[in-house]
Amino acid sequence: MDEKETPQKLFFTIGEVSSNTKIKPHVLRYWESEFKLLTPQKNSTGQRVYRQKDIDVILAIKRLLYQEKFTIAGAKKQLRTEMEAKAEQQRQAKKNALVTSALTEIKTELNELKEMLIVK
């Protein structure tokens, strides 16, 4: 399941995730026990329901294990590192947006003060 191919749904069954990611259901269940970041919810009937964030984690695990040839332990460590880096990028982007907003507000106030001084 690539980002381009991901349907616009909130929840996916294990069968849908398995089919779209080409990972067997028993492997997905095993990964749940090994990777704490992979935590699908269960619906009222006890079936696993995966959200997009779970699918993103699955695709990252698949890449690390199958393409980059990490061991389970190495993939855990690398995944944790990647997630921490992503969280830091998000924090920095949020901080930059706040700074930009504050600077825009200051600029507006300074322009208003300038107009008040010119009028007098």
N, C-alpha and C. Protein backbone atom coordinates (compact mmCIF):
# COMPACT_ATOMS: atom_id res chain seq x y z
N MET A 1 0.85 -1.17 0.00
CA MET A 1 0.00 0.00 0.00
C MET A 1 0.89 1.23 0.00
N ASP A 2 1.01 1.87 -1.11
CA ASP A 2 1.78 3.10 -1.21
C ASP A 2 0.89 4.26 -0.78
N GLU A 3 1.53 5.40 -0.50
CA GLU A 3 0.76 6.58 -0.12
C GLU A 3 -0.24 6.94 -1.21
N LYS A 4 0.15 6.77 -2.47
CA LYS A 4 -0.73 7.10 -3.59
C LYS A 4 -1.92 6.16 -3.66
N GLU A 5 -1.72 4.91 -3.25
CA GLU A 5 -2.74 3.88 -3.39
C GLU A 5 -3.63 3.74 -2.17
N THR A 6 -3.30 4.38 -1.05
CA THR A 6 -4.06 4.22 0.17
C THR A 6 -5.45 4.82 0.02
N PRO A 7 -6.49 4.00 0.17
CA PRO A 7 -7.85 4.54 0.08
C PRO A 7 -8.12 5.50 1.23
N GLN A 8 -9.06 6.40 1.02
CA GLN A 8 -9.42 7.36 2.04
C GLN A 8 -10.42 6.74 3.01
N LYS A 9 -9.94 5.94 3.92
CA LYS A 9 -10.77 5.31 4.94
C LYS A 9 -10.13 5.60 6.29
N LEU A 10 -10.95 5.53 7.33
CA LEU A 10 -10.41 5.73 8.68
C LEU A 10 -9.82 4.45 9.24
N PHE A 11 -10.47 3.31 8.96
CA PHE A 11 -10.02 2.05 9.52
C PHE A 11 -9.94 0.98 8.45
N PHE A 12 -8.98 0.06 8.63
CA PHE A 12 -8.77 -1.03 7.69
C PHE A 12 -8.74 -2.34 8.48
N THR A 13 -9.26 -3.40 7.90
CA THR A 13 -9.20 -4.71 8.53
C THR A 13 -7.82 -5.31 8.30
N ILE A 14 -7.50 -6.34 9.05
CA ILE A 14 -6.20 -6.99 8.88
C ILE A 14 -6.10 -7.60 7.48
N GLY A 15 -7.22 -8.08 6.95
CA GLY A 15 -7.22 -8.64 5.59
C GLY A 15 -6.90 -7.59 4.55
N GLU A 16 -7.47 -6.39 4.70
CA GLU A 16 -7.20 -5.30 3.76
C GLU A 16 -5.73 -4.88 3.85
N VAL A 17 -5.24 -4.76 5.07
CA VAL A 17 -3.85 -4.34 5.26
C VAL A 17 -2.91 -5.40 4.69
N SER A 18 -3.22 -6.65 4.97
CA SER A 18 -2.40 -7.76 4.46
C SER A 18 -2.38 -7.77 2.94
N SER A 19 -3.52 -7.62 2.34
CA SER A 19 -3.62 -7.63 0.88
C SER A 19 -2.87 -6.46 0.25
N ASN A 20 -3.04 -5.29 0.82
CA ASN A 20 -2.45 -4.09 0.24
C ASN A 20 -0.95 -3.96 0.50
N THR A 21 -0.48 -4.48 1.62
CA THR A 21 0.95 -4.37 1.93
C THR A 21 1.74 -5.61 1.52
N LYS A 22 1.02 -6.66 1.13
CA LYS A 22 1.63 -7.94 0.76
C LYS A 22 2.38 -8.57 1.94
N ILE A 23 1.79 -8.41 3.13
CA ILE A 23 2.35 -9.02 4.35
C ILE A 23 1.26 -9.90 4.94
N LYS A 24 1.59 -11.14 5.22
CA LYS A 24 0.60 -12.10 5.71
C LYS A 24 0.09 -11.69 7.10
N PRO A 25 -1.17 -12.01 7.38
CA PRO A 25 -1.75 -11.63 8.67
C PRO A 25 -0.97 -12.14 9.89
N HIS A 26 -0.45 -13.35 9.82
CA HIS A 26 0.30 -13.86 10.98
C HIS A 26 1.58 -13.06 11.20
N VAL A 27 2.16 -12.52 10.14
CA VAL A 27 3.34 -11.67 10.28
C VAL A 27 2.95 -10.34 10.92
N LEU A 28 1.83 -9.79 10.50
CA LEU A 28 1.35 -8.54 11.10
C LEU A 28 1.10 -8.72 12.59
N ARG A 29 0.49 -9.85 12.97
CA ARG A 29 0.23 -10.11 14.40
C ARG A 29 1.54 -10.27 15.15
N TYR A 30 2.52 -10.92 14.54
CA TYR A 30 3.83 -11.07 15.18
C TYR A 30 4.49 -9.70 15.38
N TRP A 31 4.43 -8.88 14.34
CA TRP A 31 5.02 -7.55 14.45
C TRP A 31 4.38 -6.74 15.57
N GLU A 32 3.08 -6.92 15.80
CA GLU A 32 2.41 -6.23 16.90
C GLU A 32 3.06 -6.58 18.23
N SER A 33 3.46 -7.84 18.37
CA SER A 33 4.07 -8.27 19.63
C SER A 33 5.51 -7.78 19.76
N GLU A 34 6.15 -7.47 18.66
CA GLU A 34 7.55 -7.06 18.68
C GLU A 34 7.75 -5.54 18.67
N PHE A 35 6.86 -4.82 17.99
CA PHE A 35 7.03 -3.37 17.82
C PHE A 35 5.93 -2.64 18.58
N LYS A 36 6.33 -1.93 19.63
CA LYS A 36 5.36 -1.22 20.46
C LYS A 36 4.66 -0.09 19.71
N LEU A 37 5.27 0.41 18.64
CA LEU A 37 4.64 1.47 17.85
C LEU A 37 3.47 0.97 17.03
N LEU A 38 3.38 -0.31 16.84
CA LEU A 38 2.30 -0.91 16.05
C LEU A 38 1.21 -1.38 17.00
N THR A 39 0.15 -0.58 17.12
CA THR A 39 -0.91 -0.88 18.08
C THR A 39 -2.29 -0.68 17.47
N PRO A 40 -2.73 -1.62 16.63
CA PRO A 40 -4.08 -1.47 16.07
C PRO A 40 -5.12 -1.63 17.18
N GLN A 41 -6.20 -0.91 17.02
CA GLN A 41 -7.30 -1.04 17.98
C GLN A 41 -8.10 -2.28 17.63
N LYS A 42 -9.00 -2.64 18.53
CA LYS A 42 -9.92 -3.74 18.23
C LYS A 42 -11.33 -3.19 18.30
N ASN A 43 -12.17 -3.64 17.36
CA ASN A 43 -13.55 -3.16 17.34
C ASN A 43 -14.39 -3.97 18.34
N SER A 44 -15.68 -3.72 18.34
CA SER A 44 -16.56 -4.36 19.32
C SER A 44 -16.61 -5.89 19.18
N THR A 45 -16.29 -6.39 17.99
CA THR A 45 -16.28 -7.84 17.79
C THR A 45 -14.90 -8.44 18.01
N GLY A 46 -13.93 -7.62 18.40
CA GLY A 46 -12.59 -8.12 18.68
C GLY A 46 -11.66 -8.16 17.49
N GLN A 47 -12.12 -7.70 16.33
CA GLN A 47 -11.26 -7.68 15.15
C GLN A 47 -10.31 -6.49 15.21
N ARG A 48 -9.10 -6.70 14.71
CA ARG A 48 -8.14 -5.61 14.64
C ARG A 48 -8.59 -4.61 13.59
N VAL A 49 -8.47 -3.33 13.91
CA VAL A 49 -8.73 -2.28 12.93
C VAL A 49 -7.51 -1.36 12.92
N TYR A 50 -6.95 -1.21 11.74
CA TYR A 50 -5.74 -0.43 11.55
C TYR A 50 -6.08 0.96 11.06
N ARG A 51 -5.39 1.95 11.62
CA ARG A 51 -5.51 3.33 11.16
C ARG A 51 -4.35 3.61 10.22
N GLN A 52 -4.39 4.76 9.57
CA GLN A 52 -3.33 5.11 8.63
C GLN A 52 -1.98 5.14 9.32
N LYS A 53 -1.92 5.62 10.56
CA LYS A 53 -0.63 5.66 11.26
C LYS A 53 -0.07 4.25 11.47
N ASP A 54 -0.97 3.28 11.71
CA ASP A 54 -0.51 1.89 11.86
C ASP A 54 0.05 1.37 10.54
N ILE A 55 -0.61 1.72 9.44
CA ILE A 55 -0.14 1.28 8.12
C ILE A 55 1.21 1.92 7.80
N ASP A 56 1.39 3.18 8.19
CA ASP A 56 2.68 3.84 7.98
C ASP A 56 3.78 3.12 8.75
N VAL A 57 3.48 2.70 9.97
CA VAL A 57 4.47 1.95 10.77
C VAL A 57 4.76 0.61 10.11
N ILE A 58 3.72 -0.07 9.64
CA ILE A 58 3.90 -1.36 8.96
C ILE A 58 4.81 -1.21 7.75
N LEU A 59 4.56 -0.19 6.95
CA LEU A 59 5.38 0.02 5.76
C LEU A 59 6.83 0.35 6.12
N ALA A 60 7.01 1.08 7.22
CA ALA A 60 8.38 1.38 7.67
C ALA A 60 9.08 0.12 8.15
N ILE A 61 8.37 -0.72 8.90
CA ILE A 61 8.95 -1.99 9.36
C ILE A 61 9.29 -2.87 8.17
N LYS A 62 8.38 -2.95 7.22
CA LYS A 62 8.62 -3.76 6.02
C LYS A 62 9.87 -3.28 5.29
N ARG A 63 10.00 -1.97 5.13
CA ARG A 63 11.18 -1.40 4.45
C ARG A 63 12.45 -1.77 5.21
N LEU A 64 12.43 -1.60 6.53
CA LEU A 64 13.62 -1.88 7.32
C LEU A 64 14.00 -3.36 7.28
N LEU A 65 13.03 -4.24 7.39
CA LEU A 65 13.32 -5.67 7.44
C LEU A 65 13.62 -6.26 6.06
N TYR A 66 12.83 -5.92 5.07
CA TYR A 66 12.95 -6.59 3.78
C TYR A 66 13.86 -5.89 2.79
N GLN A 67 13.88 -4.57 2.80
CA GLN A 67 14.72 -3.85 1.85
C GLN A 67 16.09 -3.52 2.43
N GLU A 68 16.08 -3.02 3.65
CA GLU A 68 17.35 -2.60 4.26
C GLU A 68 18.00 -3.71 5.08
N LYS A 69 17.33 -4.84 5.19
CA LYS A 69 17.87 -6.06 5.81
C LYS A 69 18.27 -5.90 7.28
N PHE A 70 17.50 -5.13 8.03
CA PHE A 70 17.73 -5.01 9.46
C PHE A 70 17.23 -6.27 10.15
N THR A 71 17.80 -6.56 11.31
CA THR A 71 17.24 -7.60 12.18
C THR A 71 16.04 -6.97 12.90
N ILE A 72 15.28 -7.79 13.60
CA ILE A 72 14.15 -7.25 14.38
C ILE A 72 14.66 -6.22 15.39
N ALA A 73 15.72 -6.56 16.10
CA ALA A 73 16.27 -5.63 17.10
C ALA A 73 16.78 -4.35 16.44
N GLY A 74 17.46 -4.50 15.34
CA GLY A 74 17.97 -3.33 14.62
C GLY A 74 16.85 -2.48 14.06
N ALA A 75 15.79 -3.14 13.57
CA ALA A 75 14.64 -2.40 13.03
C ALA A 75 13.93 -1.64 14.14
N LYS A 76 13.82 -2.24 15.33
CA LYS A 76 13.21 -1.54 16.47
C LYS A 76 13.96 -0.26 16.78
N LYS A 77 15.27 -0.39 16.86
CA LYS A 77 16.10 0.76 17.19
C LYS A 77 16.02 1.83 16.09
N GLN A 78 16.11 1.42 14.85
CA GLN A 78 16.06 2.36 13.72
C GLN A 78 14.69 3.03 13.63
N LEU A 79 13.63 2.27 13.85
CA LEU A 79 12.28 2.82 13.80
C LEU A 79 12.09 3.86 14.90
N ARG A 80 12.58 3.56 16.08
CA ARG A 80 12.51 4.51 17.19
C ARG A 80 13.26 5.79 16.84
N THR A 81 14.45 5.64 16.25
CA THR A 81 15.25 6.80 15.84
C THR A 81 14.51 7.63 14.78
N GLU A 82 13.94 6.95 13.79
CA GLU A 82 13.20 7.65 12.73
C GLU A 82 11.98 8.37 13.28
N MET A 83 11.26 7.72 14.20
CA MET A 83 10.06 8.34 14.77
C MET A 83 10.43 9.56 15.64
N GLU A 84 11.53 9.45 16.37
CA GLU A 84 11.98 10.59 17.17
C GLU A 84 12.38 11.75 16.27
N ALA A 85 13.06 11.45 15.17
CA ALA A 85 13.47 12.50 14.23
C ALA A 85 12.24 13.16 13.59
N LYS A 86 11.25 12.34 13.25
CA LYS A 86 10.01 12.88 12.66
C LYS A 86 9.28 13.77 13.66
N ALA A 87 9.23 13.34 14.90
CA ALA A 87 8.57 14.14 15.94
C ALA A 87 9.31 15.46 16.15
N GLU A 88 10.63 15.41 16.11
CA GLU A 88 11.43 16.64 16.26
C GLU A 88 11.17 17.59 15.08
N GLN A 89 11.08 17.05 13.88
CA GLN A 89 10.78 17.89 12.71
C GLN A 89 9.41 18.55 12.86
N GLN A 90 8.45 17.80 13.36
CA GLN A 90 7.11 18.35 13.56
C GLN A 90 7.13 19.44 14.62
N ARG A 91 7.87 19.21 15.71
CA ARG A 91 7.99 20.24 16.76
C ARG A 91 8.64 21.50 16.20
N GLN A 92 9.68 21.32 15.40
CA GLN A 92 10.39 22.46 14.83
C GLN A 92 9.49 23.22 13.85
N ALA A 93 8.72 22.50 13.04
CA ALA A 93 7.81 23.15 12.09
C ALA A 93 6.74 23.95 12.84
N LYS A 94 6.25 23.38 13.92
CA LYS A 94 5.24 24.08 14.74
C LYS A 94 5.84 25.34 15.36
N LYS A 95 7.06 25.21 15.86
CA LYS A 95 7.75 26.35 16.46
C LYS A 95 7.98 27.44 15.41
N ASN A 96 8.42 27.04 14.22
CA ASN A 96 8.64 28.01 13.13
C ASN A 96 7.35 28.72 12.75
N ALA A 97 6.25 27.99 12.73
CA ALA A 97 4.96 28.59 12.39
C ALA A 97 4.56 29.62 13.45
N LEU A 98 4.81 29.29 14.71
CA LEU A 98 4.48 30.23 15.80
C LEU A 98 5.33 31.49 15.70
N VAL A 99 6.62 31.32 15.41
CA VAL A 99 7.52 32.47 15.29
C VAL A 99 7.10 33.33 14.10
N THR A 100 6.78 32.70 12.99
CA THR A 100 6.34 33.45 11.81
C THR A 100 5.07 34.23 12.10
N SER A 101 4.15 33.58 12.78
CA SER A 101 2.90 34.24 13.14
C SER A 101 3.15 35.44 14.06
N ALA A 102 4.01 35.25 15.05
CA ALA A 102 4.33 36.34 15.98
C ALA A 102 5.00 37.49 15.25
N LEU A 103 5.93 37.19 14.35
CA LEU A 103 6.62 38.24 13.60
C LEU A 103 5.65 39.00 12.68
N THR A 104 4.72 38.28 12.08
CA THR A 104 3.71 38.92 11.23
C THR A 104 2.85 39.87 12.06
N GLU A 105 2.48 39.43 13.23
CA GLU A 105 1.67 40.26 14.12
C GLU A 105 2.45 41.51 14.55
N ILE A 106 3.71 41.35 14.87
CA ILE A 106 4.55 42.49 15.26
C ILE A 106 4.68 43.47 14.10
N LYS A 107 4.89 42.95 12.91
CA LYS A 107 5.01 43.79 11.72
C LYS A 107 3.73 44.61 11.51
N THR A 108 2.59 43.96 11.66
CA THR A 108 1.31 44.65 11.50
C THR A 108 1.17 45.77 12.53
N GLU A 109 1.52 45.47 13.77
CA GLU A 109 1.43 46.48 14.82
C GLU A 109 2.38 47.64 14.56
N LEU A 110 3.58 47.34 14.10
CA LEU A 110 4.54 48.41 13.80
C LEU A 110 4.04 49.28 12.65
N ASN A 111 3.45 48.66 11.64
CA ASN A 111 2.89 49.43 10.52
C ASN A 111 1.74 50.32 10.99
N GLU A 112 0.93 49.82 11.90
CA GLU A 112 -0.16 50.63 12.46
C GLU A 112 0.40 51.82 13.24
N LEU A 113 1.44 51.58 14.02
CA LEU A 113 2.08 52.67 14.77
C LEU A 113 2.68 53.69 13.82
N LYS A 114 3.30 53.20 12.76
CA LYS A 114 3.90 54.08 11.76
C LYS A 114 2.82 54.98 11.14
N GLU A 115 1.69 54.40 10.78
CA GLU A 115 0.59 55.17 10.20
C GLU A 115 0.07 56.22 11.19
N MET A 116 0.00 55.84 12.45
CA MET A 116 -0.46 56.78 13.48
C MET A 116 0.51 57.95 13.60
N LEU A 117 1.80 57.70 13.51
CA LEU A 117 2.81 58.75 13.64
C LEU A 117 2.82 59.66 12.41
N ILE A 118 2.59 59.09 11.24
CA ILE A 118 2.59 59.88 10.00
C ILE A 118 1.38 60.81 9.96
N VAL A 119 0.24 60.35 10.46
CA VAL A 119 -0.99 61.13 10.45
C VAL A 119 -0.84 62.37 11.31
N LYS A 120 -0.15 62.28 12.40
CA LYS A 120 -0.02 63.40 13.33
C LYS A 120 0.92 64.41 12.84
